[in-house]
Amino acid sequence: MSADIQTAPTLRDDETLDDTTAGGSSTLHDNLLAGLRAMFMASELPDGSRIPEAELCQRFGVSRTPLREALKVMAAEGFVILRPNRGAIVAPIDPEEVGPLYEFKGALERLIGLTAAERATDEEIAALEVLHLQLNEALSASRHDDYTHLNYRFHRGLAQATRNPLLIQNYETVQQRIWRYRFLVNEHDRRLQQSFAEHERILTALKARTPLDLAERLESHSRLTGQAMLAVVASRKLETASENANKRRAPARRSPNPIDTEQA
């Protein structure tokens, strides 16, 4: 990858994905983000294609400034690649990236379980219980984007309870890398139901303060999410390849014969 290509904005030590993706409370901004996210998840633009800013401004009824601010958020979520002075392009989906990321994440989750069970305060556990209730509300209302953000905050809270700055930093880096894929897998209600049930068991182990049990539950949860994510990403990749192949095979539309037109 060339030096002038940036897949996502670099986070400060005290900044998280929620900070980067919040982008303010404006309804216009939120609607623009939701529209762009839906567009990218529907693969309306091919991987690697240039982002048509003028077309998107017209489509969403905004000027270039709010669109470019929204594209920064899309870059943080892994949907686009920002190229200085050359515009943004659609970030390719890479199924081969998912396995290694979740293998590493599983090891981090296990360490989080071993340490958070002993170091989490009662206040932190209570805050995680509140997030769990909010996850249930989002799941019941099929608010998938809300579930994705709340899920991120839930796991970030567990990581922060370890009091290990190096672990927290590495965990945040992995979370940023898989952010785009989370939106894809969280479109599937069945996996969300399973994920929520796994969260129930994670909270039970945390409140019981059993390190080995919590470590096992977190590692298992990460592994199952990774498997689901890999299946979704691979399926989307095949669908895109099939659509592109069909487009190449489709015969060009023949222009009306001027002679036939005259005779008619």
Protein backbone atom coordinates (compact mmCIF):
# COMPACT_ATOMS: atom_id res chain seq x y z
CA MET A 1 0.00 0.00 0.00
CA SER A 2 1.44 3.37 -0.96
CA ALA A 3 2.40 5.86 1.70
CA ASP A 4 -0.25 8.39 0.68
CA ILE A 5 -3.17 6.00 1.15
CA GLN A 6 -4.84 5.93 4.53
CA THR A 7 -7.44 3.28 5.33
CA ALA A 8 -8.71 5.04 8.43
CA PRO A 9 -7.91 8.12 10.48
CA THR A 10 -5.38 7.48 13.23
CA LEU A 11 -6.95 7.54 16.68
CA ARG A 12 -5.44 9.51 19.53
CA ASP A 13 -4.55 7.59 22.70
CA ASP A 14 -7.70 8.94 24.37
CA GLU A 15 -9.95 8.60 21.31
CA THR A 16 -12.19 5.66 20.42
CA LEU A 17 -14.25 4.58 17.45
CA ASP A 18 -17.35 5.99 19.12
CA ASP A 19 -15.67 9.40 19.25
CA THR A 20 -14.65 9.20 15.60
CA THR A 21 -17.98 7.94 14.32
CA ALA A 22 -20.21 10.14 16.46
CA GLY A 23 -19.70 13.17 14.24
CA GLY A 24 -22.06 15.37 16.24
CA SER A 25 -25.76 15.14 16.99
CA SER A 26 -27.05 16.62 13.74
CA THR A 27 -29.92 14.66 12.24
CA LEU A 28 -28.62 15.57 8.78
CA HIS A 29 -25.21 14.14 9.62
CA ASP A 30 -26.70 10.98 11.13
CA ASN A 31 -28.99 10.45 8.14
CA LEU A 32 -26.09 10.99 5.74
CA LEU A 33 -23.97 8.43 7.58
CA ALA A 34 -26.83 5.91 7.59
CA GLY A 35 -27.40 6.45 3.87
CA LEU A 36 -23.74 6.07 2.98
CA ARG A 37 -23.35 3.01 5.19
CA ALA A 38 -26.37 1.34 3.59
CA MET A 39 -25.01 2.16 0.14
CA PHE A 40 -21.62 0.60 0.88
CA MET A 41 -23.12 -2.49 2.52
CA ALA A 42 -25.35 -2.97 -0.53
CA SER A 43 -22.19 -2.88 -2.70
CA GLU A 44 -23.68 -0.21 -4.95
CA LEU A 45 -20.16 0.94 -5.80
CA PRO A 46 -17.51 -1.61 -6.91
CA ASP A 47 -14.49 -2.25 -4.71
CA GLY A 48 -11.69 0.15 -5.55
CA SER A 49 -13.92 2.55 -7.48
CA ARG A 50 -13.65 6.29 -6.98
CA ILE A 51 -16.28 7.87 -4.72
CA PRO A 52 -18.49 10.04 -6.99
CA GLU A 53 -18.77 13.04 -4.70
CA ALA A 54 -20.86 15.23 -7.00
CA GLU A 55 -23.34 12.39 -7.57
CA LEU A 56 -23.59 11.64 -3.86
CA CYS A 57 -24.09 15.31 -3.00
CA GLN A 58 -27.05 15.38 -5.36
CA ARG A 59 -28.40 12.06 -4.12
CA PHE A 60 -28.32 13.02 -0.43
CA GLY A 61 -29.02 16.72 -0.87
CA VAL A 62 -25.85 17.98 0.80
CA SER A 63 -22.83 20.08 -0.15
CA ARG A 64 -19.31 18.70 -0.47
CA THR A 65 -18.25 19.81 3.03
CA PRO A 66 -20.69 17.61 5.03
CA LEU A 67 -20.16 14.79 2.54
CA ARG A 68 -16.40 14.86 3.04
CA GLU A 69 -16.84 14.95 6.82
CA ALA A 70 -19.07 11.90 6.52
CA LEU A 71 -16.49 10.16 4.32
CA LYS A 72 -13.95 10.60 7.11
CA VAL A 73 -16.29 8.63 9.33
CA MET A 74 -16.71 6.02 6.61
CA ALA A 75 -12.92 5.75 6.47
CA ALA A 76 -12.79 5.19 10.25
CA GLU A 77 -15.36 2.41 9.79
CA GLY A 78 -13.30 0.86 6.99
CA PHE A 79 -15.71 1.49 4.12
CA VAL A 80 -13.50 3.87 2.14
CA ILE A 81 -9.84 4.70 1.64
CA LEU A 82 -8.89 8.37 1.77
CA ARG A 83 -6.26 9.43 -0.77
CA PRO A 84 -4.88 12.95 -0.26
CA ASN A 85 -5.46 15.17 -3.29
CA ARG A 86 -6.91 12.27 -5.30
CA GLY A 87 -10.28 11.66 -3.68
CA ALA A 88 -11.63 8.64 -1.82
CA ILE A 89 -12.17 5.13 -3.16
CA VAL A 90 -14.27 2.19 -1.97
CA ALA A 91 -12.18 -0.05 0.31
CA PRO A 92 -12.04 -3.65 -0.97
CA ILE A 93 -13.54 -6.37 1.21
CA ASP A 94 -10.85 -8.94 1.96
CA PRO A 95 -12.06 -12.30 3.36
CA GLU A 96 -8.44 -13.34 3.99
CA GLU A 97 -8.09 -10.52 6.52
CA VAL A 98 -10.85 -11.77 8.81
CA GLY A 99 -9.26 -15.05 10.00
CA PRO A 100 -5.93 -13.61 11.23
CA LEU A 101 -7.67 -10.64 12.84
CA TYR A 102 -10.00 -12.85 14.86
CA GLU A 103 -7.22 -15.24 15.77
CA PHE A 104 -5.34 -12.33 17.33
CA LYS A 105 -8.53 -10.87 18.82
CA GLY A 106 -9.34 -14.22 20.46
CA ALA A 107 -6.03 -14.14 22.32
CA LEU A 108 -6.73 -10.59 23.49
CA GLU A 109 -10.24 -11.56 24.61
CA ARG A 110 -8.84 -14.40 26.68
CA LEU A 111 -6.40 -12.05 28.41
CA ILE A 112 -9.24 -9.57 29.00
CA GLY A 113 -11.26 -12.31 30.68
CA LEU A 114 -8.39 -13.40 32.91
CA THR A 115 -7.74 -9.87 34.15
CA ALA A 116 -11.10 -8.05 34.03
CA ALA A 117 -12.76 -10.66 36.24
CA GLU A 118 -10.46 -9.63 39.08
CA ARG A 119 -9.92 -5.93 38.32
CA ALA A 120 -13.35 -4.64 37.23
CA THR A 121 -15.03 -2.42 39.80
CA ASP A 122 -18.63 -2.89 40.86
CA GLU A 123 -19.42 0.40 39.09
CA GLU A 124 -17.92 -0.87 35.83
CA ILE A 125 -19.89 -4.09 36.03
CA ALA A 126 -23.09 -2.11 36.67
CA ALA A 127 -22.34 0.07 33.62
CA LEU A 128 -21.89 -3.05 31.48
CA GLU A 129 -25.24 -4.37 32.71
CA VAL A 130 -26.88 -1.12 31.56
CA LEU A 131 -25.25 -1.50 28.13
CA HIS A 132 -26.51 -5.08 28.01
CA LEU A 133 -30.08 -3.88 28.59
CA GLN A 134 -29.64 -1.28 25.83
CA LEU A 135 -28.36 -4.01 23.52
CA ASN A 136 -31.54 -5.96 24.20
CA GLU A 137 -33.66 -2.91 23.36
CA ALA A 138 -31.77 -2.34 20.09
CA LEU A 139 -32.08 -6.03 19.20
CA SER A 140 -35.81 -6.08 19.92
CA ALA A 141 -36.35 -3.02 17.72
CA SER A 142 -34.06 -4.35 14.93
CA ARG A 143 -31.87 -1.27 15.24
CA HIS A 144 -28.81 -3.00 13.84
CA ASP A 145 -26.54 0.05 13.66
CA ASP A 146 -27.33 0.92 17.28
CA TYR A 147 -26.59 -2.66 18.30
CA THR A 148 -23.22 -2.50 16.55
CA HIS A 149 -22.21 0.67 18.38
CA LEU A 150 -23.48 -0.57 21.75
CA ASN A 151 -21.69 -3.87 21.26
CA TYR A 152 -18.47 -1.98 20.63
CA ARG A 153 -18.95 0.01 23.86
CA PHE A 154 -19.68 -3.18 25.81
CA HIS A 155 -16.44 -4.86 24.73
CA ARG A 156 -14.45 -1.65 25.09
CA GLY A 157 -15.71 -1.43 28.68
CA LEU A 158 -14.46 -4.94 29.39
CA ALA A 159 -11.06 -4.12 27.90
CA GLN A 160 -10.78 -0.91 29.93
CA ALA A 161 -11.57 -2.84 33.11
CA THR A 162 -8.24 -4.67 32.73
CA ARG A 163 -6.31 -1.49 33.63
CA ASN A 164 -3.69 -2.60 31.08
CA PRO A 165 -2.89 0.29 28.68
CA LEU A 166 -1.02 -1.90 26.19
CA LEU A 167 -3.85 -4.41 26.03
CA ILE A 168 -6.44 -1.65 25.63
CA GLN A 169 -4.46 -0.02 22.81
CA ASN A 170 -4.02 -3.27 20.87
CA TYR A 171 -7.66 -4.21 21.38
CA GLU A 172 -8.80 -0.84 20.05
CA THR A 173 -6.59 -1.28 16.98
CA VAL A 174 -8.20 -4.64 16.22
CA GLN A 175 -11.69 -3.23 16.80
CA GLN A 176 -10.97 -0.50 14.27
CA ARG A 177 -9.80 -3.04 11.68
CA ILE A 178 -12.96 -5.16 11.95
CA TRP A 179 -15.44 -2.28 12.26
CA ARG A 180 -16.72 -2.48 8.67
CA TYR A 181 -17.19 -6.22 8.85
CA ARG A 182 -19.26 -5.86 12.02
CA PHE A 183 -21.91 -3.89 10.16
CA LEU A 184 -22.13 -6.68 7.59
CA VAL A 185 -22.56 -9.54 10.06
CA ASN A 186 -24.88 -7.53 12.32
CA GLU A 187 -27.42 -7.31 9.52
CA HIS A 188 -28.34 -10.91 10.34
CA ASP A 189 -30.86 -11.24 13.18
CA ARG A 190 -30.02 -14.86 13.93
CA ARG A 191 -26.39 -14.07 14.68
CA LEU A 192 -27.42 -11.06 16.78
CA GLN A 193 -29.71 -13.29 18.86
CA GLN A 194 -26.85 -15.73 19.39
CA SER A 195 -24.46 -12.89 20.21
CA PHE A 196 -26.82 -11.47 22.82
CA ALA A 197 -27.17 -14.87 24.49
CA GLU A 198 -23.36 -15.12 24.60
CA HIS A 199 -23.26 -11.68 26.24
CA GLU A 200 -25.60 -12.99 28.94
CA ARG A 201 -23.12 -15.74 29.79
CA ILE A 202 -20.21 -13.29 29.67
CA LEU A 203 -21.92 -11.02 32.20
CA THR A 204 -22.71 -13.97 34.45
CA ALA A 205 -19.05 -14.98 34.52
CA LEU A 206 -17.95 -11.38 35.10
CA LYS A 207 -20.31 -10.88 38.05
CA ALA A 208 -19.16 -14.20 39.51
CA ARG A 209 -15.57 -12.98 39.05
CA THR A 210 -14.38 -16.31 37.64
CA PRO A 211 -11.35 -15.53 35.43
CA LEU A 212 -11.07 -18.85 33.58
CA ASP A 213 -14.81 -19.01 32.85
CA LEU A 214 -14.91 -15.38 31.63
CA ALA A 215 -11.80 -15.93 29.49
CA GLU A 216 -13.35 -19.01 27.86
CA ARG A 217 -16.67 -17.28 27.21
CA LEU A 218 -15.04 -14.20 25.67
CA GLU A 219 -12.72 -16.27 23.48
CA SER A 220 -15.63 -18.47 22.34
CA HIS A 221 -17.78 -15.41 21.61
CA SER A 222 -15.00 -13.90 19.51
CA ARG A 223 -14.43 -17.16 17.62
CA LEU A 224 -18.13 -17.59 16.78
CA THR A 225 -18.41 -13.97 15.66
CA GLY A 226 -15.33 -14.39 13.48
CA GLN A 227 -16.78 -17.52 11.85
CA ALA A 228 -20.06 -15.76 11.14
CA MET A 229 -18.24 -12.73 9.80
CA LEU A 230 -16.02 -14.81 7.53
CA ALA A 231 -19.07 -16.59 6.10
CA VAL A 232 -20.85 -13.30 5.37
CA VAL A 233 -17.79 -11.65 3.85
CA ALA A 234 -16.99 -14.65 1.66
CA SER A 235 -20.62 -14.81 0.50
CA ARG A 236 -20.65 -11.11 -0.36
CA LYS A 237 -17.41 -11.52 -2.27
CA LEU A 238 -18.89 -14.36 -4.33
CA GLU A 239 -22.05 -12.37 -5.02
CA THR A 240 -20.02 -9.40 -6.24
CA ALA A 241 -17.86 -11.62 -8.47
CA SER A 242 -20.98 -13.28 -9.91
CA GLU A 243 -22.63 -9.92 -10.61
CA ASN A 244 -19.51 -8.63 -12.34
CA ALA A 245 -19.28 -11.80 -14.44
CA ASN A 246 -22.93 -11.47 -15.49
CA LYS A 247 -22.34 -7.87 -16.51
CA ARG A 248 -19.40 -8.91 -18.69
CA ARG A 249 -21.46 -11.66 -20.34
CA ALA A 250 -24.51 -9.49 -20.96
CA PRO A 251 -24.77 -8.52 -24.67
CA ALA A 252 -24.53 -4.85 -25.45
CA ARG A 253 -27.87 -3.24 -26.14
CA ARG A 254 -28.30 -2.84 -29.89
CA SER A 255 -29.17 0.62 -31.13
CA PRO A 256 -32.26 0.81 -33.32
CA ASN A 257 -31.45 0.37 -37.01
CA PRO A 258 -32.15 3.70 -38.70
CA ILE A 259 -33.31 1.88 -41.81
CA ASP A 260 -35.83 -0.17 -39.82
CA THR A 261 -37.01 3.02 -38.15
CA GLU A 262 -37.62 4.69 -41.49
CA GLN A 263 -39.48 1.67 -42.88
CA ALA A 264 -41.70 1.56 -39.83
